[in-house]
Amino acid sequence: MRHRRHAVYAISVAAELSGTAVQNLRVYERRGLLAPERTEGGTRRYSEADVERLVRIRELLDAGLNLAGIGMVLDLEAENAQLRADRDEQQQWLRTAKIRPPKRRTPTPPR
């Protein structure tokens, strides 16, 4: 089974899979939106995760964002994913440790 971060696609294949042009992939790399792996000879190799990122870039372009805005959105999405992963890890730790977070108390109405 191939890992989704294993870089196997040449630039032309990645462009075709993501529905964009080869020159766009080079621009996205120059702008820091994408960082494909390189072979020893310097050839770009793209992973399944890279192709998914290219599709997301295309979606954001279609929604009217410019490349600077797309960079910000991608950064925020990555930060959000990391925060969710951290939260899930903490919740798993709490379940494993048999510690329960305090129950939320419903406020009593004033008398």
PDB file of N, CA and C in Angstrom:
ATOM      1  N   MET A   1       0.847  -1.184   0.000  1.00  0.00           N
ATOM      2  CA  MET A   1       0.000   0.000   0.000  1.00  0.00           C
ATOM      3  C   MET A   1       0.892   1.247   0.000  1.00  0.00           C
ATOM      4  N   ARG A   2       0.596   2.163  -0.875  1.00  0.00           N
ATOM      5  CA  ARG A   2       1.383   3.389  -1.008  1.00  0.00           C
ATOM      6  C   ARG A   2       0.865   4.444  -0.032  1.00  0.00           C
ATOM      7  N   HIS A   3       1.781   5.101   0.627  1.00  0.00           N
ATOM      8  CA  HIS A   3       1.436   6.172   1.556  1.00  0.00           C
ATOM      9  C   HIS A   3       1.086   7.419   0.755  1.00  0.00           C
ATOM     10  N   ARG A   4       0.112   8.198   1.191  1.00  0.00           N
ATOM     11  CA  ARG A   4      -0.354   9.354   0.418  1.00  0.00           C
ATOM     12  C   ARG A   4       0.679  10.470   0.318  1.00  0.00           C
ATOM     13  N   ARG A   5       1.751  10.397   1.109  1.00  0.00           N
ATOM     14  CA  ARG A   5       2.809  11.401   1.034  1.00  0.00           C
ATOM     15  C   ARG A   5       4.020  10.914   0.225  1.00  0.00           C
ATOM     16  N   HIS A   6       3.932   9.688  -0.290  1.00  0.00           N
ATOM     17  CA  HIS A   6       5.014   9.137  -1.100  1.00  0.00           C
ATOM     18  C   HIS A   6       4.971   9.793  -2.487  1.00  0.00           C
ATOM     19  N   ALA A   7       6.029  10.488  -2.839  1.00  0.00           N
ATOM     20  CA  ALA A   7       6.065  11.248  -4.097  1.00  0.00           C
ATOM     21  C   ALA A   7       6.355  10.320  -5.272  1.00  0.00           C
ATOM     22  N   VAL A   8       5.382  10.173  -6.151  1.00  0.00           N
ATOM     23  CA  VAL A   8       5.543   9.271  -7.289  1.00  0.00           C
ATOM     24  C   VAL A   8       5.193   9.914  -8.634  1.00  0.00           C
ATOM     25  N   TYR A   9       4.447  11.002  -8.619  1.00  0.00           N
ATOM     26  CA  TYR A   9       3.942  11.583  -9.865  1.00  0.00           C
ATOM     27  C   TYR A   9       4.901  12.622 -10.440  1.00  0.00           C
ATOM     28  N   ALA A  10       5.106  12.536 -11.742  1.00  0.00           N
ATOM     29  CA  ALA A  10       5.857  13.573 -12.453  1.00  0.00           C
ATOM     30  C   ALA A  10       4.973  14.815 -12.555  1.00  0.00           C
ATOM     31  N   ILE A  11       5.570  15.943 -12.882  1.00  0.00           N
ATOM     32  CA  ILE A  11       4.837  17.210 -12.918  1.00  0.00           C
ATOM     33  C   ILE A  11       3.663  17.168 -13.898  1.00  0.00           C
ATOM     34  N   SER A  12       3.846  16.530 -15.043  1.00  0.00           N
ATOM     35  CA  SER A  12       2.771  16.484 -16.036  1.00  0.00           C
ATOM     36  C   SER A  12       1.596  15.653 -15.540  1.00  0.00           C
ATOM     37  N   VAL A  13       1.884  14.568 -14.826  1.00  0.00           N
ATOM     38  CA  VAL A  13       0.815  13.724 -14.290  1.00  0.00           C
ATOM     39  C   VAL A  13       0.083  14.463 -13.166  1.00  0.00           C
ATOM     40  N   ALA A  14       0.825  15.111 -12.283  1.00  0.00           N
ATOM     41  CA  ALA A  14       0.208  15.874 -11.196  1.00  0.00           C
ATOM     42  C   ALA A  14      -0.679  16.981 -11.748  1.00  0.00           C
ATOM     43  N   ALA A  15      -0.214  17.639 -12.801  1.00  0.00           N
ATOM     44  CA  ALA A  15      -1.013  18.699 -13.424  1.00  0.00           C
ATOM     45  C   ALA A  15      -2.305  18.128 -13.987  1.00  0.00           C
ATOM     46  N   GLU A  16      -2.205  17.000 -14.663  1.00  0.00           N
ATOM     47  CA  GLU A  16      -3.402  16.392 -15.249  1.00  0.00           C
ATOM     48  C   GLU A  16      -4.369  15.922 -14.166  1.00  0.00           C
ATOM     49  N   LEU A  17      -3.855  15.280 -13.125  1.00  0.00           N
ATOM     50  CA  LEU A  17      -4.711  14.787 -12.045  1.00  0.00           C
ATOM     51  C   LEU A  17      -5.421  15.921 -11.311  1.00  0.00           C
ATOM     52  N   SER A  18      -4.766  17.061 -11.214  1.00  0.00           N
ATOM     53  CA  SER A  18      -5.349  18.184 -10.470  1.00  0.00           C
ATOM     54  C   SER A  18      -6.134  19.135 -11.363  1.00  0.00           C
ATOM     55  N   GLY A  19      -6.064  18.936 -12.665  1.00  0.00           N
ATOM     56  CA  GLY A  19      -6.838  19.780 -13.577  1.00  0.00           C
ATOM     57  C   GLY A  19      -6.252  21.160 -13.781  1.00  0.00           C
ATOM     58  N   THR A  20      -4.938  21.273 -13.725  1.00  0.00           N
ATOM     59  CA  THR A  20      -4.290  22.560 -13.932  1.00  0.00           C
ATOM     60  C   THR A  20      -3.124  22.385 -14.898  1.00  0.00           C
ATOM     61  N   ALA A  21      -2.512  23.473 -15.285  1.00  0.00           N
ATOM     62  CA  ALA A  21      -1.407  23.430 -16.238  1.00  0.00           C
ATOM     63  C   ALA A  21      -0.070  23.271 -15.515  1.00  0.00           C
ATOM     64  N   VAL A  22       0.885  22.675 -16.206  1.00  0.00           N
ATOM     65  CA  VAL A  22       2.217  22.436 -15.644  1.00  0.00           C
ATOM     66  C   VAL A  22       2.854  23.737 -15.162  1.00  0.00           C
ATOM     67  N   GLN A  23       2.749  24.801 -15.945  1.00  0.00           N
ATOM     68  CA  GLN A  23       3.381  26.059 -15.548  1.00  0.00           C
ATOM     69  C   GLN A  23       2.788  26.604 -14.249  1.00  0.00           C
ATOM     70  N   ASN A  24       1.521  26.307 -13.980  1.00  0.00           N
ATOM     71  CA  ASN A  24       0.913  26.743 -12.722  1.00  0.00           C
ATOM     72  C   ASN A  24       1.566  26.061 -11.526  1.00  0.00           C
ATOM     73  N   LEU A  25       1.905  24.788 -11.678  1.00  0.00           N
ATOM     74  CA  LEU A  25       2.561  24.080 -10.586  1.00  0.00           C
ATOM     75  C   LEU A  25       3.891  24.731 -10.239  1.00  0.00           C
ATOM     76  N   ARG A  26       4.610  25.170 -11.253  1.00  0.00           N
ATOM     77  CA  ARG A  26       5.887  25.847 -11.008  1.00  0.00           C
ATOM     78  C   ARG A  26       5.670  27.179 -10.285  1.00  0.00           C
ATOM     79  N   VAL A  27       4.628  27.903 -10.686  1.00  0.00           N
ATOM     80  CA  VAL A  27       4.301  29.179 -10.030  1.00  0.00           C
ATOM     81  C   VAL A  27       3.920  28.933  -8.576  1.00  0.00           C
ATOM     82  N   TYR A  28       3.090  27.928  -8.323  1.00  0.00           N
ATOM     83  CA  TYR A  28       2.665  27.636  -6.955  1.00  0.00           C
ATOM     84  C   TYR A  28       3.866  27.285  -6.087  1.00  0.00           C
ATOM     85  N   GLU A  29       4.840  26.578  -6.665  1.00  0.00           N
ATOM     86  CA  GLU A  29       6.043  26.248  -5.909  1.00  0.00           C
ATOM     87  C   GLU A  29       6.851  27.509  -5.606  1.00  0.00           C
ATOM     88  N   ARG A  30       7.013  28.376  -6.589  1.00  0.00           N
ATOM     89  CA  ARG A  30       7.753  29.632  -6.363  1.00  0.00           C
ATOM     90  C   ARG A  30       7.085  30.484  -5.303  1.00  0.00           C
ATOM     91  N   ARG A  31       5.759  30.457  -5.256  1.00  0.00           N
ATOM     92  CA  ARG A  31       5.012  31.258  -4.281  1.00  0.00           C
ATOM     93  C   ARG A  31       4.916  30.599  -2.909  1.00  0.00           C
ATOM     94  N   GLY A  32       5.445  29.386  -2.790  1.00  0.00           N
ATOM     95  CA  GLY A  32       5.439  28.702  -1.503  1.00  0.00           C
ATOM     96  C   GLY A  32       4.150  27.976  -1.175  1.00  0.00           C
ATOM     97  N   LEU A  33       3.276  27.793  -2.152  1.00  0.00           N
ATOM     98  CA  LEU A  33       2.017  27.101  -1.911  1.00  0.00           C
ATOM     99  C   LEU A  33       2.179  25.591  -1.954  1.00  0.00           C
ATOM    100  N   LEU A  34       3.282  25.142  -2.504  1.00  0.00           N
ATOM    101  CA  LEU A  34       3.500  23.726  -2.739  1.00  0.00           C
ATOM    102  C   LEU A  34       4.998  23.460  -2.669  1.00  0.00           C
ATOM    103  N   ALA A  35       5.381  22.316  -2.131  1.00  0.00           N
ATOM    104  CA  ALA A  35       6.805  21.972  -2.035  1.00  0.00           C
ATOM    105  C   ALA A  35       6.994  20.512  -2.423  1.00  0.00           C
ATOM    106  N   PRO A  36       7.006  20.217  -3.721  1.00  0.00           N
ATOM    107  CA  PRO A  36       7.175  18.821  -4.137  1.00  0.00           C
ATOM    108  C   PRO A  36       8.579  18.325  -3.803  1.00  0.00           C
ATOM    109  N   GLU A  37       8.689  17.010  -3.662  1.00  0.00           N
ATOM    110  CA  GLU A  37      10.009  16.426  -3.446  1.00  0.00           C
ATOM    111  C   GLU A  37      10.796  16.523  -4.745  1.00  0.00           C
ATOM    112  N   ARG A  38      12.102  16.377  -4.632  1.00  0.00           N
ATOM    113  CA  ARG A  38      12.982  16.400  -5.809  1.00  0.00           C
ATOM    114  C   ARG A  38      13.810  15.129  -5.829  1.00  0.00           C
ATOM    115  N   THR A  39      14.055  14.618  -7.025  1.00  0.00           N
ATOM    116  CA  THR A  39      14.972  13.496  -7.174  1.00  0.00           C
ATOM    117  C   THR A  39      16.391  14.031  -7.072  1.00  0.00           C
ATOM    118  N   GLU A  40      17.356  13.145  -7.047  1.00  0.00           N
ATOM    119  CA  GLU A  40      18.751  13.582  -7.002  1.00  0.00           C
ATOM    120  C   GLU A  40      19.092  14.440  -8.212  1.00  0.00           C
ATOM    121  N   GLY A  41      18.435  14.195  -9.334  1.00  0.00           N
ATOM    122  CA  GLY A  41      18.670  14.981 -10.544  1.00  0.00           C
ATOM    123  C   GLY A  41      17.882  16.280 -10.584  1.00  0.00           C
ATOM    124  N   GLY A  42      17.058  16.537  -9.571  1.00  0.00           N
ATOM    125  CA  GLY A  42      16.302  17.791  -9.499  1.00  0.00           C
ATOM    126  C   GLY A  42      14.894  17.730 -10.082  1.00  0.00           C
ATOM    127  N   THR A  43      14.460  16.558 -10.524  1.00  0.00           N
ATOM    128  CA  THR A  43      13.113  16.415 -11.086  1.00  0.00           C
ATOM    129  C   THR A  43      12.075  16.459  -9.967  1.00  0.00           C
ATOM    130  N   ARG A  44      11.024  17.230 -10.176  1.00  0.00           N
ATOM    131  CA  ARG A  44       9.951  17.322  -9.186  1.00  0.00           C
ATOM    132  C   ARG A  44       9.162  16.011  -9.174  1.00  0.00           C
ATOM    133  N   ARG A  45       8.784  15.579  -7.969  1.00  0.00           N
ATOM    134  CA  ARG A  45       7.921  14.418  -7.789  1.00  0.00           C
ATOM    135  C   ARG A  45       6.816  14.810  -6.814  1.00  0.00           C
ATOM    136  N   TYR A  46       5.583  14.520  -7.213  1.00  0.00           N
ATOM    137  CA  TYR A  46       4.417  14.919  -6.436  1.00  0.00           C
ATOM    138  C   TYR A  46       3.753  13.699  -5.801  1.00  0.00           C
ATOM    139  N   SER A  47       3.239  13.887  -4.607  1.00  0.00           N
ATOM    140  CA  SER A  47       2.531  12.828  -3.879  1.00  0.00           C
ATOM    141  C   SER A  47       1.024  13.000  -4.059  1.00  0.00           C
ATOM    142  N   GLU A  48       0.298  12.034  -3.546  1.00  0.00           N
ATOM    143  CA  GLU A  48      -1.167  12.125  -3.546  1.00  0.00           C
ATOM    144  C   GLU A  48      -1.610  13.338  -2.729  1.00  0.00           C
ATOM    145  N   ALA A  49      -0.937  13.604  -1.617  1.00  0.00           N
ATOM    146  CA  ALA A  49      -1.255  14.776  -0.793  1.00  0.00           C
ATOM    147  C   ALA A  49      -0.994  16.066  -1.567  1.00  0.00           C
ATOM    148  N   ASP A  50       0.075  16.100  -2.358  1.00  0.00           N
ATOM    149  CA  ASP A  50       0.354  17.274  -3.190  1.00  0.00           C
ATOM    150  C   ASP A  50      -0.764  17.494  -4.210  1.00  0.00           C
ATOM    151  N   VAL A  51      -1.230  16.404  -4.818  1.00  0.00           N
ATOM    152  CA  VAL A  51      -2.305  16.509  -5.814  1.00  0.00           C
ATOM    153  C   VAL A  51      -3.576  17.024  -5.144  1.00  0.00           C
ATOM    154  N   GLU A  52      -3.871  16.532  -3.937  1.00  0.00           N
ATOM    155  CA  GLU A  52      -5.043  17.025  -3.202  1.00  0.00           C
ATOM    156  C   GLU A  52      -4.901  18.514  -2.912  1.00  0.00           C
ATOM    157  N   ARG A  53      -3.708  18.942  -2.553  1.00  0.00           N
ATOM    158  CA  ARG A  53      -3.455  20.367  -2.292  1.00  0.00           C
ATOM    159  C   ARG A  53      -3.648  21.181  -3.572  1.00  0.00           C
ATOM    160  N   LEU A  54      -3.202  20.658  -4.702  1.00  0.00           N
ATOM    161  CA  LEU A  54      -3.391  21.342  -5.987  1.00  0.00           C
ATOM    162  C   LEU A  54      -4.872  21.493  -6.318  1.00  0.00           C
ATOM    163  N   VAL A  55      -5.634  20.475  -6.045  1.00  0.00           N
ATOM    164  CA  VAL A  55      -7.086  20.555  -6.274  1.00  0.00           C
ATOM    165  C   VAL A  55      -7.686  21.632  -5.377  1.00  0.00           C
ATOM    166  N   ARG A  56      -7.241  21.697  -4.121  1.00  0.00           N
ATOM    167  CA  ARG A  56      -7.741  22.733  -3.196  1.00  0.00           C
ATOM    168  C   ARG A  56      -7.355  24.124  -3.684  1.00  0.00           C
ATOM    169  N   ILE A  57      -6.140  24.274  -4.193  1.00  0.00           N
ATOM    170  CA  ILE A  57      -5.708  25.565  -4.744  1.00  0.00           C
ATOM    171  C   ILE A  57      -6.613  25.957  -5.904  1.00  0.00           C
ATOM    172  N   ARG A  58      -6.898  25.011  -6.783  1.00  0.00           N
ATOM    173  CA  ARG A  58      -7.774  25.289  -7.923  1.00  0.00           C
ATOM    174  C   ARG A  58      -9.174  25.703  -7.455  1.00  0.00           C
ATOM    175  N   GLU A  59      -9.697  25.026  -6.436  1.00  0.00           N
ATOM    176  CA  GLU A  59     -11.016  25.380  -5.894  1.00  0.00           C
ATOM    177  C   GLU A  59     -11.023  26.808  -5.368  1.00  0.00           C
ATOM    178  N   LEU A  60      -9.963  27.179  -4.654  1.00  0.00           N
ATOM    179  CA  LEU A  60      -9.890  28.532  -4.097  1.00  0.00           C
ATOM    180  C   LEU A  60      -9.725  29.578  -5.189  1.00  0.00           C
ATOM    181  N   LEU A  61      -8.970  29.251  -6.231  1.00  0.00           N
ATOM    182  CA  LEU A  61      -8.864  30.163  -7.375  1.00  0.00           C
ATOM    183  C   LEU A  61     -10.223  30.346  -8.039  1.00  0.00           C
ATOM    184  N   ASP A  62     -10.944  29.243  -8.201  1.00  0.00           N
ATOM    185  CA  ASP A  62     -12.281  29.307  -8.803  1.00  0.00           C
ATOM    186  C   ASP A  62     -13.250  30.127  -7.957  1.00  0.00           C
ATOM    187  N   ALA A  63     -13.003  30.166  -6.649  1.00  0.00           N
ATOM    188  CA  ALA A  63     -13.839  30.953  -5.736  1.00  0.00           C
ATOM    189  C   ALA A  63     -13.462  32.432  -5.741  1.00  0.00           C
ATOM    190  N   GLY A  64     -12.384  32.780  -6.473  1.00  0.00           N
ATOM    191  CA  GLY A  64     -12.026  34.178  -6.624  1.00  0.00           C
ATOM    192  C   GLY A  64     -10.862  34.662  -5.772  1.00  0.00           C
ATOM    193  N   LEU A  65     -10.203  33.774  -5.043  1.00  0.00           N
ATOM    194  CA  LEU A  65      -9.070  34.194  -4.226  1.00  0.00           C
ATOM    195  C   LEU A  65      -7.822  34.340  -5.087  1.00  0.00           C
ATOM    196  N   ASN A  66      -6.938  35.249  -4.683  1.00  0.00           N
ATOM    197  CA  ASN A  66      -5.647  35.352  -5.360  1.00  0.00           C
ATOM    198  C   ASN A  66      -4.653  34.441  -4.635  1.00  0.00           C
ATOM    199  N   LEU A  67      -3.437  34.326  -5.171  1.00  0.00           N
ATOM    200  CA  LEU A  67      -2.469  33.384  -4.601  1.00  0.00           C
ATOM    201  C   LEU A  67      -2.070  33.745  -3.179  1.00  0.00           C
ATOM    202  N   ALA A  68      -1.994  35.031  -2.858  1.00  0.00           N
ATOM    203  CA  ALA A  68      -1.667  35.438  -1.488  1.00  0.00           C
ATOM    204  C   ALA A  68      -2.776  34.996  -0.528  1.00  0.00           C
ATOM    205  N   GLY A  69      -4.011  35.190  -0.927  1.00  0.00           N
ATOM    206  CA  GLY A  69      -5.145  34.770  -0.109  1.00  0.00           C
ATOM    207  C   GLY A  69      -5.202  33.265   0.048  1.00  0.00           C
ATOM    208  N   ILE A  70      -4.880  32.562  -1.019  1.00  0.00           N
ATOM    209  CA  ILE A  70      -4.868  31.099  -0.973  1.00  0.00           C
ATOM    210  C   ILE A  70      -3.811  30.618   0.016  1.00  0.00           C
ATOM    211  N   GLY A  71      -2.655  31.269   0.013  1.00  0.00           N
ATOM    212  CA  GLY A  71      -1.616  30.905   0.984  1.00  0.00           C
ATOM    213  C   GLY A  71      -2.111  31.049   2.406  1.00  0.00           C
ATOM    214  N   MET A  72      -2.826  32.131   2.688  1.00  0.00           N
ATOM    215  CA  MET A  72      -3.360  32.349   4.033  1.00  0.00           C
ATOM    216  C   MET A  72      -4.403  31.292   4.384  1.00  0.00           C
ATOM    217  N   VAL A  73      -5.288  30.991   3.446  1.00  0.00           N
ATOM    218  CA  VAL A  73      -6.328  29.987   3.695  1.00  0.00           C
ATOM    219  C   VAL A  73      -5.684  28.629   3.970  1.00  0.00           C
ATOM    220  N   LEU A  74      -4.713  28.237   3.152  1.00  0.00           N
ATOM    221  CA  LEU A  74      -4.055  26.949   3.337  1.00  0.00           C
ATOM    222  C   LEU A  74      -3.335  26.883   4.689  1.00  0.00           C
ATOM    223  N   ASP A  75      -2.688  27.972   5.083  1.00  0.00           N
ATOM    224  CA  ASP A  75      -2.027  28.014   6.389  1.00  0.00           C
ATOM    225  C   ASP A  75      -3.033  27.861   7.523  1.00  0.00           C
ATOM    226  N   LEU A  76      -4.158  28.564   7.420  1.00  0.00           N
ATOM    227  CA  LEU A  76      -5.187  28.478   8.458  1.00  0.00           C
ATOM    228  C   LEU A  76      -5.823  27.088   8.494  1.00  0.00           C
ATOM    229  N   GLU A  77      -6.034  26.490   7.332  1.00  0.00           N
ATOM    230  CA  GLU A  77      -6.591  25.137   7.301  1.00  0.00           C
ATOM    231  C   GLU A  77      -5.631  24.140   7.943  1.00  0.00           C
ATOM    232  N   ALA A  78      -4.343  24.293   7.690  1.00  0.00           N
ATOM    233  CA  ALA A  78      -3.348  23.400   8.297  1.00  0.00           C
ATOM    234  C   ALA A  78      -3.301  23.594   9.811  1.00  0.00           C
ATOM    235  N   GLU A  79      -3.358  24.852  10.247  1.00  0.00           N
ATOM    236  CA  GLU A  79      -3.358  25.138  11.687  1.00  0.00           C
ATOM    237  C   GLU A  79      -4.595  24.554  12.353  1.00  0.00           C
ATOM    238  N   ASN A  80      -5.736  24.689  11.707  1.00  0.00           N
ATOM    239  CA  ASN A  80      -6.984  24.150  12.225  1.00  0.00           C
ATOM    240  C   ASN A  80      -6.902  22.625  12.329  1.00  0.00           C
ATOM    241  N   ALA A  81      -6.370  21.983  11.312  1.00  0.00           N
ATOM    242  CA  ALA A  81      -6.223  20.523  11.334  1.00  0.00           C
ATOM    243  C   ALA A  81      -5.314  20.091  12.473  1.00  0.00           C
ATOM    244  N   GLN A  82      -4.229  20.834  12.713  1.00  0.00           N
ATOM    245  CA  GLN A  82      -3.315  20.496  13.807  1.00  0.00           C
ATOM    246  C   GLN A  82      -3.993  20.674  15.164  1.00  0.00           C
ATOM    247  N   LEU A  83      -4.767  21.742  15.316  1.00  0.00           N
ATOM    248  CA  LEU A  83      -5.489  21.956  16.570  1.00  0.00           C
ATOM    249  C   LEU A  83      -6.489  20.834  16.830  1.00  0.00           C
ATOM    250  N   ARG A  84      -7.186  20.403  15.771  1.00  0.00           N
ATOM    251  CA  ARG A  84      -8.136  19.295  15.927  1.00  0.00           C
ATOM    252  C   ARG A  84      -7.415  18.007  16.311  1.00  0.00           C
ATOM    253  N   ALA A  85      -6.278  17.758  15.682  1.00  0.00           N
ATOM    254  CA  ALA A  85      -5.507  16.558  16.005  1.00  0.00           C
ATOM    255  C   ALA A  85      -5.031  16.606  17.455  1.00  0.00           C
ATOM    256  N   ASP A  86      -4.570  17.762  17.901  1.00  0.00           N
ATOM    257  CA  ASP A  86      -4.133  17.924  19.298  1.00  0.00           C
ATOM    258  C   ASP A  86      -5.296  17.675  20.254  1.00  0.00           C
ATOM    259  N   ARG A  87      -6.453  18.233  19.924  1.00  0.00           N
ATOM    260  CA  ARG A  87      -7.639  18.043  20.774  1.00  0.00           C
ATOM    261  C   ARG A  87      -8.013  16.561  20.840  1.00  0.00           C
ATOM    262  N   ASP A  88      -8.015  15.893  19.678  1.00  0.00           N
ATOM    263  CA  ASP A  88      -8.368  14.475  19.646  1.00  0.00           C
ATOM    264  C   ASP A  88      -7.382  13.642  20.465  1.00  0.00           C
ATOM    265  N   GLU A  89      -6.100  14.011  20.373  1.00  0.00           N
ATOM    266  CA  GLU A  89      -5.080  13.304  21.153  1.00  0.00           C
ATOM    267  C   GLU A  89      -5.311  13.492  22.646  1.00  0.00           C
ATOM    268  N   GLN A  90      -5.657  14.709  23.043  1.00  0.00           N
ATOM    269  CA  GLN A  90      -5.925  14.975  24.455  1.00  0.00           C
ATOM    270  C   GLN A  90      -7.164  14.221  24.925  1.00  0.00           C
ATOM    271  N   GLN A  91      -8.191  14.183  24.090  1.00  0.00           N
ATOM    272  CA  GLN A  91      -9.405  13.453  24.461  1.00  0.00           C
ATOM    273  C   GLN A  91      -9.121  11.964  24.588  1.00  0.00           C
ATOM    274  N   GLN A  92      -8.291  11.438  23.683  1.00  0.00           N
ATOM    275  CA  GLN A  92      -7.923  10.028  23.764  1.00  0.00           C
ATOM    276  C   GLN A  92      -7.152   9.758  25.052  1.00  0.00           C
ATOM    277  N   TRP A  93      -6.244  10.669  25.394  1.00  0.00           N
ATOM    278  CA  TRP A  93      -5.486  10.518  26.633  1.00  0.00           C
ATOM    279  C   TRP A  93      -6.432  10.518  27.829  1.00  0.00           C
ATOM    280  N   LEU A  94      -7.401  11.415  27.822  1.00  0.00           N
ATOM    281  CA  LEU A  94      -8.362  11.474  28.924  1.00  0.00           C
ATOM    282  C   LEU A  94      -9.158  10.177  29.032  1.00  0.00           C
ATOM    283  N   ARG A  95      -9.563   9.632  27.892  1.00  0.00           N
ATOM    284  CA  ARG A  95     -10.312   8.368  27.918  1.00  0.00           C
ATOM    285  C   ARG A  95      -9.433   7.234  28.439  1.00  0.00           C
ATOM    286  N   THR A  96      -8.190   7.206  28.001  1.00  0.00           N
ATOM    287  CA  THR A  96      -7.260   6.156  28.423  1.00  0.00           C
ATOM    288  C   THR A  96      -6.951   6.275  29.906  1.00  0.00           C
ATOM    289  N   ALA A  97      -6.798   7.478  30.379  1.00  0.00           N
ATOM    290  CA  ALA A  97      -6.466   7.712  31.777  1.00  0.00           C
ATOM    291  C   ALA A  97      -7.704   7.632  32.671  1.00  0.00           C
ATOM    292  N   LYS A  98      -8.846   7.401  32.077  1.00  0.00           N
ATOM    293  CA  LYS A  98     -10.119   7.325  32.809  1.00  0.00           C
ATOM    294  C   LYS A  98     -10.425   8.608  33.557  1.00  0.00           C
ATOM    295  N   ILE A  99      -9.987   9.699  33.010  1.00  0.00           N
ATOM    296  CA  ILE A  99     -10.270  11.007  33.595  1.00  0.00           C
ATOM    297  C   ILE A  99     -11.334  11.658  32.724  1.00  0.00           C
ATOM    298  N   ARG A 100     -12.324  12.148  33.354  1.00  0.00           N
ATOM    299  CA  ARG A 100     -13.406  12.793  32.615  1.00  0.00           C
ATOM    300  C   ARG A 100     -13.333  14.297  32.846  1.00  0.00           C
ATOM    301  N   PRO A 101     -13.554  15.080  31.778  1.00  0.00           N
ATOM    302  CA  PRO A 101     -13.617  16.525  31.991  1.00  0.00           C
ATOM    303  C   PRO A 101     -14.816  16.844  32.864  1.00  0.00           C
ATOM    304  N   PRO A 102     -14.752  17.933  33.600  1.00  0.00           N
ATOM    305  CA  PRO A 102     -15.875  18.276  34.485  1.00  0.00           C
ATOM    306  C   PRO A 102     -17.152  18.479  33.673  1.00  0.00           C
ATOM    307  N   LYS A 103     -18.253  18.042  34.280  1.00  0.00           N
ATOM    308  CA  LYS A 103     -19.541  18.228  33.618  1.00  0.00           C
ATOM    309  C   LYS A 103     -19.906  19.703  33.641  1.00  0.00           C
ATOM    310  N   ARG A 104     -20.541  20.106  32.595  1.00  0.00           N
ATOM    311  CA  ARG A 104     -21.003  21.495  32.555  1.00  0.00           C
ATOM    312  C   ARG A 104     -22.227  21.621  33.436  1.00  0.00           C
ATOM    313  N   ARG A 105     -22.212  22.641  34.231  1.00  0.00           N
ATOM    314  CA  ARG A 105     -23.335  22.869  35.131  1.00  0.00           C
ATOM    315  C   ARG A 105     -24.299  23.824  34.466  1.00  0.00           C
ATOM    316  N   THR A 106     -25.542  23.500  34.556  1.00  0.00           N
ATOM    317  CA  THR A 106     -26.545  24.414  34.039  1.00  0.00           C
ATOM    318  C   THR A 106     -26.825  25.446  35.122  1.00  0.00           C
ATOM    319  N   PRO A 107     -26.839  26.698  34.717  1.00  0.00           N
ATOM    320  CA  PRO A 107     -27.046  27.748  35.729  1.00  0.00           C
ATOM    321  C   PRO A 107     -28.450  27.620  36.328  1.00  0.00           C
ATOM    322  N   THR A 108     -28.519  27.857  37.623  1.00  0.00           N
ATOM    323  CA  THR A 108     -29.821  27.852  38.287  1.00  0.00           C
ATOM    324  C   THR A 108     -30.443  29.233  38.123  1.00  0.00           C
ATOM    325  N   PRO A 109     -31.720  29.253  37.846  1.00  0.00           N
ATOM    326  CA  PRO A 109     -32.380  30.559  37.661  1.00  0.00           C
ATOM    327  C   PRO A 109     -32.385  31.348  38.967  1.00  0.00           C
ATOM    328  N   PRO A 110     -32.267  32.654  38.879  1.00  0.00           N
ATOM    329  CA  PRO A 110     -32.298  33.495  40.094  1.00  0.00           C
ATOM    330  C   PRO A 110     -33.635  33.400  40.789  1.00  0.00           C
ATOM    331  N   ARG A 111     -33.615  33.555  42.105  1.00  0.00           N
ATOM    332  CA  ARG A 111     -34.869  33.468  42.889  1.00  0.00           C
ATOM    333  C   ARG A 111     -35.392  34.822  43.210  1.00  0.00           C
TER     334      ARG A 111
END
